[in-house]
Amino acid sequence: MAEKPGTIVAYPEDLKWEAVGLLDENGKGIFVSLLYGDLKTKGPANFPMKYSTGVEAPPHIHSGITTRSSYLENFDISCNPRLSTRT
């Protein structure tokens, strides 16, 4: 992977994940890794999220501008077979 100035590459296993909300009896739940900002105050924040298998977020709303991205575990988005990590 080519690195560009001002770009940081981080892998999920290298991030510090914290539970958001309650965990079930098996430790499953929703987790975030805060990159910047504060989740307890209003203002910009950036954080990847991961959901344990079978866990869904309860209904809720976001105020202001929201940008969302999806992170899927063991998911290869490469369309070029030479770049694919699939075996």
Foldseek 3Di string as FASTA:
>chain_A
DDDDPPDDDDDPVRFDWDADDDAPPVRFHKIWGWPDDDPVDDDDTDIDMDGDPPYDDDDDDDPDDDDDDDDDPPDWPDPDPVPTPDD
